[in-house]
Amino acid sequence: MFIFTQDEEVQRIFNLMDGLDQIAFTHERNLGSDDHWVPESPEGKAIFDQLIAPENRQALRKWYARSDGRELNPSALNLKLTLERAIQEKLD
């Protein structure tokens, strides 16, 4: 899957999310299967750590702001809750 956005930060978050989804699908249980999901593989952990890195927080907020109030599907919501728990702040 590919999206194109003029915002390089948001594009980077999309690419990380897509990579995490691919790793979770092939090596682990489904991404966002519950709100306590964390990656188990080294590759998944590395991507997750990039997503929650302080320099990516603003981009994560932009990523979730793109939903414009639309409800997230259960997996996406669980991943958002997992990320929020890891960084100890809301992404709204």
PDB file of N, CA and C in Angstrom:
ATOM      1  N   MET A   1       0.847  -1.174   0.000  1.00  0.00           N
ATOM      2  CA  MET A   1       0.000   0.000   0.000  1.00  0.00           C
ATOM      3  C   MET A   1       0.890   1.233   0.000  1.00  0.00           C
ATOM      4  N   PHE A   2       0.454   2.279  -0.679  1.00  0.00           N
ATOM      5  CA  PHE A   2       1.240   3.500  -0.762  1.00  0.00           C
ATOM      6  C   PHE A   2       0.308   4.694  -0.682  1.00  0.00           C
ATOM      7  N   ILE A   3       0.685   5.664   0.089  1.00  0.00           N
ATOM      8  CA  ILE A   3      -0.011   6.936   0.051  1.00  0.00           C
ATOM      9  C   ILE A   3       1.022   7.983  -0.289  1.00  0.00           C
ATOM     10  N   PHE A   4       0.568   9.044  -0.861  1.00  0.00           N
ATOM     11  CA  PHE A   4       1.467  10.146  -1.143  1.00  0.00           C
ATOM     12  C   PHE A   4       0.927  11.368  -0.451  1.00  0.00           C
ATOM     13  N   THR A   5       1.801  12.019   0.281  1.00  0.00           N
ATOM     14  CA  THR A   5       1.428  13.243   0.946  1.00  0.00           C
ATOM     15  C   THR A   5       2.579  14.220   0.819  1.00  0.00           C
ATOM     16  N   GLN A   6       2.268  15.473   0.779  1.00  0.00           N
ATOM     17  CA  GLN A   6       3.291  16.506   0.732  1.00  0.00           C
ATOM     18  C   GLN A   6       4.036  16.593   2.059  1.00  0.00           C
ATOM     19  N   ASP A   7       3.437  16.098   3.120  1.00  0.00           N
ATOM     20  CA  ASP A   7       4.034  16.159   4.448  1.00  0.00           C
ATOM     21  C   ASP A   7       4.973  14.967   4.622  1.00  0.00           C
ATOM     22  N   GLU A   8       6.264  15.231   4.584  1.00  0.00           N
ATOM     23  CA  GLU A   8       7.241  14.152   4.678  1.00  0.00           C
ATOM     24  C   GLU A   8       7.171  13.421   6.013  1.00  0.00           C
ATOM     25  N   GLU A   9       6.823  14.134   7.096  1.00  0.00           N
ATOM     26  CA  GLU A   9       6.710  13.494   8.403  1.00  0.00           C
ATOM     27  C   GLU A   9       5.590  12.462   8.407  1.00  0.00           C
ATOM     28  N   VAL A  10       4.443  12.842   7.852  1.00  0.00           N
ATOM     29  CA  VAL A  10       3.298  11.933   7.810  1.00  0.00           C
ATOM     30  C   VAL A  10       3.606  10.760   6.891  1.00  0.00           C
ATOM     31  N   GLN A  11       4.280  11.008   5.783  1.00  0.00           N
ATOM     32  CA  GLN A  11       4.658   9.926   4.877  1.00  0.00           C
ATOM     33  C   GLN A  11       5.588   8.945   5.591  1.00  0.00           C
ATOM     34  N   ARG A  12       6.514   9.447   6.393  1.00  0.00           N
ATOM     35  CA  ARG A  12       7.423   8.585   7.150  1.00  0.00           C
ATOM     36  C   ARG A  12       6.636   7.712   8.138  1.00  0.00           C
ATOM     37  N   ILE A  13       5.648   8.317   8.823  1.00  0.00           N
ATOM     38  CA  ILE A  13       4.818   7.545   9.754  1.00  0.00           C
ATOM     39  C   ILE A  13       4.048   6.472   8.999  1.00  0.00           C
ATOM     40  N   PHE A  14       3.483   6.829   7.853  1.00  0.00           N
ATOM     41  CA  PHE A  14       2.778   5.825   7.053  1.00  0.00           C
ATOM     42  C   PHE A  14       3.710   4.673   6.705  1.00  0.00           C
ATOM     43  N   ASN A  15       4.914   4.991   6.262  1.00  0.00           N
ATOM     44  CA  ASN A  15       5.858   3.947   5.871  1.00  0.00           C
ATOM     45  C   ASN A  15       6.216   3.052   7.059  1.00  0.00           C
ATOM     46  N   LEU A  16       6.395   3.644   8.227  1.00  0.00           N
ATOM     47  CA  LEU A  16       6.681   2.856   9.426  1.00  0.00           C
ATOM     48  C   LEU A  16       5.490   1.976   9.800  1.00  0.00           C
ATOM     49  N   MET A  17       4.286   2.547   9.746  1.00  0.00           N
ATOM     50  CA  MET A  17       3.078   1.769  10.058  1.00  0.00           C
ATOM     51  C   MET A  17       2.925   0.608   9.080  1.00  0.00           C
ATOM     52  N   ASP A  18       3.168   0.866   7.818  1.00  0.00           N
ATOM     53  CA  ASP A  18       3.052  -0.177   6.804  1.00  0.00           C
ATOM     54  C   ASP A  18       4.082  -1.278   7.053  1.00  0.00           C
ATOM     55  N   GLY A  19       5.307  -0.891   7.385  1.00  0.00           N
ATOM     56  CA  GLY A  19       6.337  -1.884   7.684  1.00  0.00           C
ATOM     57  C   GLY A  19       5.990  -2.707   8.905  1.00  0.00           C
ATOM     58  N   LEU A  20       5.479  -2.048   9.934  1.00  0.00           N
ATOM     59  CA  LEU A  20       5.078  -2.760  11.149  1.00  0.00           C
ATOM     60  C   LEU A  20       3.939  -3.729  10.848  1.00  0.00           C
ATOM     61  N   ASP A  21       3.004  -3.307  10.026  1.00  0.00           N
ATOM     62  CA  ASP A  21       1.887  -4.172   9.649  1.00  0.00           C
ATOM     63  C   ASP A  21       2.383  -5.403   8.901  1.00  0.00           C
ATOM     64  N   GLN A  22       3.316  -5.216   7.978  1.00  0.00           N
ATOM     65  CA  GLN A  22       3.858  -6.343   7.214  1.00  0.00           C
ATOM     66  C   GLN A  22       4.576  -7.340   8.124  1.00  0.00           C
ATOM     67  N   ILE A  23       5.377  -6.823   9.041  1.00  0.00           N
ATOM     68  CA  ILE A  23       6.098  -7.702   9.972  1.00  0.00           C
ATOM     69  C   ILE A  23       5.122  -8.430  10.880  1.00  0.00           C
ATOM     70  N   ALA A  24       4.150  -7.703  11.403  1.00  0.00           N
ATOM     71  CA  ALA A  24       3.168  -8.327  12.294  1.00  0.00           C
ATOM     72  C   ALA A  24       2.388  -9.407  11.561  1.00  0.00           C
ATOM     73  N   PHE A  25       2.043  -9.148  10.306  1.00  0.00           N
ATOM     74  CA  PHE A  25       1.262 -10.108   9.531  1.00  0.00           C
ATOM     75  C   PHE A  25       2.056 -11.379   9.251  1.00  0.00           C
ATOM     76  N   THR A  26       3.355 -11.229   8.954  1.00  0.00           N
ATOM     77  CA  THR A  26       4.134 -12.391   8.551  1.00  0.00           C
ATOM     78  C   THR A  26       4.826 -13.101   9.707  1.00  0.00           C
ATOM     79  N   HIS A  27       5.127 -12.382  10.802  1.00  0.00           N
ATOM     80  CA  HIS A  27       5.919 -12.986  11.865  1.00  0.00           C
ATOM     81  C   HIS A  27       5.223 -13.057  13.215  1.00  0.00           C
ATOM     82  N   GLU A  28       4.147 -12.342  13.370  1.00  0.00           N
ATOM     83  CA  GLU A  28       3.532 -12.231  14.684  1.00  0.00           C
ATOM     84  C   GLU A  28       2.020 -12.296  14.533  1.00  0.00           C
ATOM     85  N   ARG A  29       1.332 -12.146  15.639  1.00  0.00           N
ATOM     86  CA  ARG A  29      -0.120 -12.064  15.530  1.00  0.00           C
ATOM     87  C   ARG A  29      -0.481 -10.723  14.908  1.00  0.00           C
ATOM     88  N   ASN A  30      -1.713 -10.573  14.517  1.00  0.00           N
ATOM     89  CA  ASN A  30      -2.132  -9.379  13.799  1.00  0.00           C
ATOM     90  C   ASN A  30      -1.858  -8.094  14.565  1.00  0.00           C
ATOM     91  N   LEU A  31      -1.382  -7.115  13.851  1.00  0.00           N
ATOM     92  CA  LEU A  31      -1.117  -5.793  14.391  1.00  0.00           C
ATOM     93  C   LEU A  31      -2.389  -5.224  14.991  1.00  0.00           C
ATOM     94  N   GLY A  32      -2.299  -4.758  16.199  1.00  0.00           N
ATOM     95  CA  GLY A  32      -3.464  -4.153  16.829  1.00  0.00           C
ATOM     96  C   GLY A  32      -4.530  -5.149  17.236  1.00  0.00           C
ATOM     97  N   SER A  33      -4.143  -6.424  17.409  1.00  0.00           N
ATOM     98  CA  SER A  33      -5.148  -7.430  17.759  1.00  0.00           C
ATOM     99  C   SER A  33      -5.758  -7.170  19.135  1.00  0.00           C
ATOM    100  N   ASP A  34      -5.022  -6.483  19.986  1.00  0.00           N
ATOM    101  CA  ASP A  34      -5.581  -5.992  21.237  1.00  0.00           C
ATOM    102  C   ASP A  34      -4.780  -4.760  21.645  1.00  0.00           C
ATOM    103  N   ASP A  35      -5.229  -4.074  22.677  1.00  0.00           N
ATOM    104  CA  ASP A  35      -4.565  -2.814  23.012  1.00  0.00           C
ATOM    105  C   ASP A  35      -3.325  -3.002  23.882  1.00  0.00           C
ATOM    106  N   HIS A  36      -2.884  -4.243  24.016  1.00  0.00           N
ATOM    107  CA  HIS A  36      -1.631  -4.517  24.723  1.00  0.00           C
ATOM    108  C   HIS A  36      -0.620  -5.183  23.791  1.00  0.00           C
ATOM    109  N   TRP A  37      -0.910  -5.128  22.495  1.00  0.00           N
ATOM    110  CA  TRP A  37      -0.016  -5.728  21.512  1.00  0.00           C
ATOM    111  C   TRP A  37       1.293  -4.971  21.477  1.00  0.00           C
ATOM    112  N   VAL A  38       2.378  -5.705  21.499  1.00  0.00           N
ATOM    113  CA  VAL A  38       3.699  -5.127  21.258  1.00  0.00           C
ATOM    114  C   VAL A  38       4.437  -6.099  20.342  1.00  0.00           C
ATOM    115  N   PRO A  39       5.262  -5.564  19.472  1.00  0.00           N
ATOM    116  CA  PRO A  39       5.982  -6.446  18.557  1.00  0.00           C
ATOM    117  C   PRO A  39       6.965  -7.341  19.305  1.00  0.00           C
ATOM    118  N   GLU A  40       7.119  -8.547  18.803  1.00  0.00           N
ATOM    119  CA  GLU A  40       8.016  -9.502  19.437  1.00  0.00           C
ATOM    120  C   GLU A  40       9.299  -9.700  18.648  1.00  0.00           C
ATOM    121  N   SER A  41       9.248  -9.533  17.346  1.00  0.00           N
ATOM    122  CA  SER A  41      10.433  -9.747  16.521  1.00  0.00           C
ATOM    123  C   SER A  41      11.371  -8.542  16.627  1.00  0.00           C
ATOM    124  N   PRO A  42      12.661  -8.753  16.403  1.00  0.00           N
ATOM    125  CA  PRO A  42      13.607  -7.621  16.437  1.00  0.00           C
ATOM    126  C   PRO A  42      13.252  -6.533  15.424  1.00  0.00           C
ATOM    127  N   GLU A  43      12.795  -6.956  14.243  1.00  0.00           N
ATOM    128  CA  GLU A  43      12.421  -5.979  13.218  1.00  0.00           C
ATOM    129  C   GLU A  43      11.214  -5.168  13.660  1.00  0.00           C
ATOM    130  N   GLY A  44      10.229  -5.853  14.227  1.00  0.00           N
ATOM    131  CA  GLY A  44       9.031  -5.175  14.710  1.00  0.00           C
ATOM    132  C   GLY A  44       9.341  -4.214  15.840  1.00  0.00           C
ATOM    133  N   LYS A  45      10.210  -4.638  16.755  1.00  0.00           N
ATOM    134  CA  LYS A  45      10.600  -3.773  17.865  1.00  0.00           C
ATOM    135  C   LYS A  45      11.324  -2.528  17.364  1.00  0.00           C
ATOM    136  N   ALA A  46      12.182  -2.702  16.371  1.00  0.00           N
ATOM    137  CA  ALA A  46      12.932  -1.562  15.827  1.00  0.00           C
ATOM    138  C   ALA A  46      11.979  -0.535  15.201  1.00  0.00           C
ATOM    139  N   ILE A  47      10.996  -1.002  14.448  1.00  0.00           N
ATOM    140  CA  ILE A  47      10.036  -0.093  13.830  1.00  0.00           C
ATOM    141  C   ILE A  47       9.169   0.568  14.899  1.00  0.00           C
ATOM    142  N   PHE A  48       8.711  -0.213  15.865  1.00  0.00           N
ATOM    143  CA  PHE A  48       7.891   0.336  16.947  1.00  0.00           C
ATOM    144  C   PHE A  48       8.667   1.427  17.684  1.00  0.00           C
ATOM    145  N   ASP A  49       9.942   1.171  17.960  1.00  0.00           N
ATOM    146  CA  ASP A  49      10.771   2.167  18.641  1.00  0.00           C
ATOM    147  C   ASP A  49      10.912   3.445  17.818  1.00  0.00           C
ATOM    148  N   GLN A  50      10.986   3.298  16.508  1.00  0.00           N
ATOM    149  CA  GLN A  50      11.035   4.487  15.650  1.00  0.00           C
ATOM    150  C   GLN A  50       9.727   5.269  15.728  1.00  0.00           C
ATOM    151  N   LEU A  51       8.608   4.533  15.722  1.00  0.00           N
ATOM    152  CA  LEU A  51       7.306   5.201  15.796  1.00  0.00           C
ATOM    153  C   LEU A  51       7.152   6.013  17.078  1.00  0.00           C
ATOM    154  N   ILE A  52       7.631   5.476  18.190  1.00  0.00           N
ATOM    155  CA  ILE A  52       7.422   6.160  19.466  1.00  0.00           C
ATOM    156  C   ILE A  52       8.570   7.096  19.846  1.00  0.00           C
ATOM    157  N   ALA A  53       9.550   7.232  18.967  1.00  0.00           N
ATOM    158  CA  ALA A  53      10.678   8.122  19.245  1.00  0.00           C
ATOM    159  C   ALA A  53      10.175   9.561  19.401  1.00  0.00           C
ATOM    160  N   PRO A  54      10.766  10.306  20.317  1.00  0.00           N
ATOM    161  CA  PRO A  54      10.319  11.692  20.557  1.00  0.00           C
ATOM    162  C   PRO A  54      10.249  12.539  19.287  1.00  0.00           C
ATOM    163  N   GLU A  55      11.165  12.340  18.381  1.00  0.00           N
ATOM    164  CA  GLU A  55      11.163  13.143  17.151  1.00  0.00           C
ATOM    165  C   GLU A  55      10.001  12.813  16.215  1.00  0.00           C
ATOM    166  N   ASN A  56       9.291  11.725  16.468  1.00  0.00           N
ATOM    167  CA  ASN A  56       8.142  11.358  15.627  1.00  0.00           C
ATOM    168  C   ASN A  56       6.795  11.646  16.276  1.00  0.00           C
ATOM    169  N   ARG A  57       6.771  12.194  17.469  1.00  0.00           N
ATOM    170  CA  ARG A  57       5.501  12.424  18.178  1.00  0.00           C
ATOM    171  C   ARG A  57       4.580  13.365  17.417  1.00  0.00           C
ATOM    172  N   GLN A  58       5.114  14.478  16.928  1.00  0.00           N
ATOM    173  CA  GLN A  58       4.275  15.432  16.198  1.00  0.00           C
ATOM    174  C   GLN A  58       3.708  14.788  14.931  1.00  0.00           C
ATOM    175  N   ALA A  59       4.536  14.017  14.245  1.00  0.00           N
ATOM    176  CA  ALA A  59       4.073  13.343  13.033  1.00  0.00           C
ATOM    177  C   ALA A  59       2.994  12.308  13.358  1.00  0.00           C
ATOM    178  N   LEU A  60       3.119  11.612  14.494  1.00  0.00           N
ATOM    179  CA  LEU A  60       2.078  10.663  14.908  1.00  0.00           C
ATOM    180  C   LEU A  60       0.761  11.396  15.160  1.00  0.00           C
ATOM    181  N   ARG A  61       0.845  12.556  15.805  1.00  0.00           N
ATOM    182  CA  ARG A  61      -0.380  13.341  16.036  1.00  0.00           C
ATOM    183  C   ARG A  61      -1.011  13.745  14.705  1.00  0.00           C
ATOM    184  N   LYS A  62      -0.189  14.160  13.760  1.00  0.00           N
ATOM    185  CA  LYS A  62      -0.706  14.519  12.429  1.00  0.00           C
ATOM    186  C   LYS A  62      -1.344  13.307  11.763  1.00  0.00           C
ATOM    187  N   TRP A  63      -0.687  12.146  11.909  1.00  0.00           N
ATOM    188  CA  TRP A  63      -1.205  10.912  11.312  1.00  0.00           C
ATOM    189  C   TRP A  63      -2.619  10.629  11.815  1.00  0.00           C
ATOM    190  N   TYR A  64      -2.803  10.700  13.128  1.00  0.00           N
ATOM    191  CA  TYR A  64      -4.116  10.410  13.691  1.00  0.00           C
ATOM    192  C   TYR A  64      -5.098  11.549  13.455  1.00  0.00           C
ATOM    193  N   ALA A  65      -4.627  12.762  13.270  1.00  0.00           N
ATOM    194  CA  ALA A  65      -5.521  13.880  12.949  1.00  0.00           C
ATOM    195  C   ALA A  65      -6.110  13.730  11.544  1.00  0.00           C
ATOM    196  N   ARG A  66      -5.451  12.965  10.699  1.00  0.00           N
ATOM    197  CA  ARG A  66      -5.942  12.761   9.327  1.00  0.00           C
ATOM    198  C   ARG A  66      -7.303  12.083   9.284  1.00  0.00           C
ATOM    199  N   SER A  67      -7.672  11.387  10.355  1.00  0.00           N
ATOM    200  CA  SER A  67      -8.963  10.695  10.361  1.00  0.00           C
ATOM    201  C   SER A  67     -10.133  11.673  10.413  1.00  0.00           C
ATOM    202  N   ASP A  68      -9.863  12.933  10.742  1.00  0.00           N
ATOM    203  CA  ASP A  68     -10.896  13.978  10.754  1.00  0.00           C
ATOM    204  C   ASP A  68     -12.153  13.569  11.514  1.00  0.00           C
ATOM    205  N   GLY A  69     -11.971  12.920  12.651  1.00  0.00           N
ATOM    206  CA  GLY A  69     -13.120  12.551  13.472  1.00  0.00           C
ATOM    207  C   GLY A  69     -13.788  11.245  13.075  1.00  0.00           C
ATOM    208  N   ARG A  70     -13.367  10.641  11.981  1.00  0.00           N
ATOM    209  CA  ARG A  70     -13.930   9.339  11.600  1.00  0.00           C
ATOM    210  C   ARG A  70     -13.451   8.294  12.598  1.00  0.00           C
ATOM    211  N   GLU A  71     -14.269   7.323  12.841  1.00  0.00           N
ATOM    212  CA  GLU A  71     -13.904   6.275  13.784  1.00  0.00           C
ATOM    213  C   GLU A  71     -12.825   5.377  13.179  1.00  0.00           C
ATOM    214  N   LEU A  72     -11.892   4.987  14.004  1.00  0.00           N
ATOM    215  CA  LEU A  72     -10.863   4.053  13.583  1.00  0.00           C
ATOM    216  C   LEU A  72     -11.404   2.636  13.693  1.00  0.00           C
ATOM    217  N   ASN A  73     -10.931   1.753  12.809  1.00  0.00           N
ATOM    218  CA  ASN A  73     -11.343   0.361  12.939  1.00  0.00           C
ATOM    219  C   ASN A  73     -10.714  -0.197  14.213  1.00  0.00           C
ATOM    220  N   PRO A  74     -11.212  -1.304  14.733  1.00  0.00           N
ATOM    221  CA  PRO A  74     -10.733  -1.817  16.025  1.00  0.00           C
ATOM    222  C   PRO A  74      -9.220  -2.035  16.087  1.00  0.00           C
ATOM    223  N   SER A  75      -8.628  -2.554  15.027  1.00  0.00           N
ATOM    224  CA  SER A  75      -7.180  -2.776  15.032  1.00  0.00           C
ATOM    225  C   SER A  75      -6.411  -1.465  15.097  1.00  0.00           C
ATOM    226  N   ALA A  76      -6.852  -0.484  14.315  1.00  0.00           N
ATOM    227  CA  ALA A  76      -6.186   0.820  14.317  1.00  0.00           C
ATOM    228  C   ALA A  76      -6.332   1.505  15.669  1.00  0.00           C
ATOM    229  N   LEU A  77      -7.499   1.374  16.271  1.00  0.00           N
ATOM    230  CA  LEU A  77      -7.715   1.965  17.586  1.00  0.00           C
ATOM    231  C   LEU A  77      -6.834   1.287  18.637  1.00  0.00           C
ATOM    232  N   ASN A  78      -6.733  -0.043  18.578  1.00  0.00           N
ATOM    233  CA  ASN A  78      -5.880  -0.758  19.522  1.00  0.00           C
ATOM    234  C   ASN A  78      -4.415  -0.359  19.365  1.00  0.00           C
ATOM    235  N   LEU A  79      -3.964  -0.186  18.123  1.00  0.00           N
ATOM    236  CA  LEU A  79      -2.589   0.246  17.907  1.00  0.00           C
ATOM    237  C   LEU A  79      -2.384   1.657  18.464  1.00  0.00           C
ATOM    238  N   LYS A  80      -3.346   2.526  18.236  1.00  0.00           N
ATOM    239  CA  LYS A  80      -3.251   3.892  18.774  1.00  0.00           C
ATOM    240  C   LYS A  80      -3.152   3.852  20.299  1.00  0.00           C
ATOM    241  N   LEU A  81      -3.979   3.047  20.951  1.00  0.00           N
ATOM    242  CA  LEU A  81      -3.929   2.918  22.403  1.00  0.00           C
ATOM    243  C   LEU A  81      -2.582   2.359  22.870  1.00  0.00           C
ATOM    244  N   THR A  82      -2.045   1.403  22.138  1.00  0.00           N
ATOM    245  CA  THR A  82      -0.740   0.836  22.460  1.00  0.00           C
ATOM    246  C   THR A  82       0.347   1.903  22.357  1.00  0.00           C
ATOM    247  N   LEU A  83       0.302   2.697  21.289  1.00  0.00           N
ATOM    248  CA  LEU A  83       1.285   3.768  21.109  1.00  0.00           C
ATOM    249  C   LEU A  83       1.151   4.812  22.213  1.00  0.00           C
ATOM    250  N   GLU A  84      -0.084   5.183  22.526  1.00  0.00           N
ATOM    251  CA  GLU A  84      -0.310   6.172  23.592  1.00  0.00           C
ATOM    252  C   GLU A  84       0.219   5.665  24.928  1.00  0.00           C
ATOM    253  N   ARG A  85       0.015   4.403  25.200  1.00  0.00           N
ATOM    254  CA  ARG A  85       0.497   3.827  26.456  1.00  0.00           C
ATOM    255  C   ARG A  85       2.031   3.843  26.476  1.00  0.00           C
ATOM    256  N   ALA A  86       2.648   3.544  25.340  1.00  0.00           N
ATOM    257  CA  ALA A  86       4.111   3.510  25.275  1.00  0.00           C
ATOM    258  C   ALA A  86       4.728   4.894  25.461  1.00  0.00           C
ATOM    259  N   ILE A  87       4.075   5.918  24.916  1.00  0.00           N
ATOM    260  CA  ILE A  87       4.648   7.268  25.028  1.00  0.00           C
ATOM    261  C   ILE A  87       4.054   8.055  26.190  1.00  0.00           C
ATOM    262  N   GLN A  88       3.029   7.495  26.812  1.00  0.00           N
ATOM    263  CA  GLN A  88       2.356   8.097  27.962  1.00  0.00           C
ATOM    264  C   GLN A  88       1.795   9.484  27.648  1.00  0.00           C
ATOM    265  N   GLU A  89       1.203   9.590  26.471  1.00  0.00           N
ATOM    266  CA  GLU A  89       0.482  10.811  26.107  1.00  0.00           C
ATOM    267  C   GLU A  89      -0.535  10.484  25.020  1.00  0.00           C
ATOM    268  N   LYS A  90      -1.535  11.352  24.900  1.00  0.00           N
ATOM    269  CA  LYS A  90      -2.595  11.163  23.905  1.00  0.00           C
ATOM    270  C   LYS A  90      -2.109  11.623  22.535  1.00  0.00           C
ATOM    271  N   LEU A  91      -2.608  10.960  21.512  1.00  0.00           N
ATOM    272  CA  LEU A  91      -2.249  11.307  20.134  1.00  0.00           C
ATOM    273  C   LEU A  91      -3.381  12.031  19.413  1.00  0.00           C
ATOM    274  N   ASP A  92      -4.364  12.519  20.137  1.00  0.00           N
ATOM    275  CA  ASP A  92      -5.485  13.233  19.533  1.00  0.00           C
ATOM    276  C   ASP A  92      -5.102  14.648  19.209  1.00  0.00           C
TER     277      ASP A  92
END
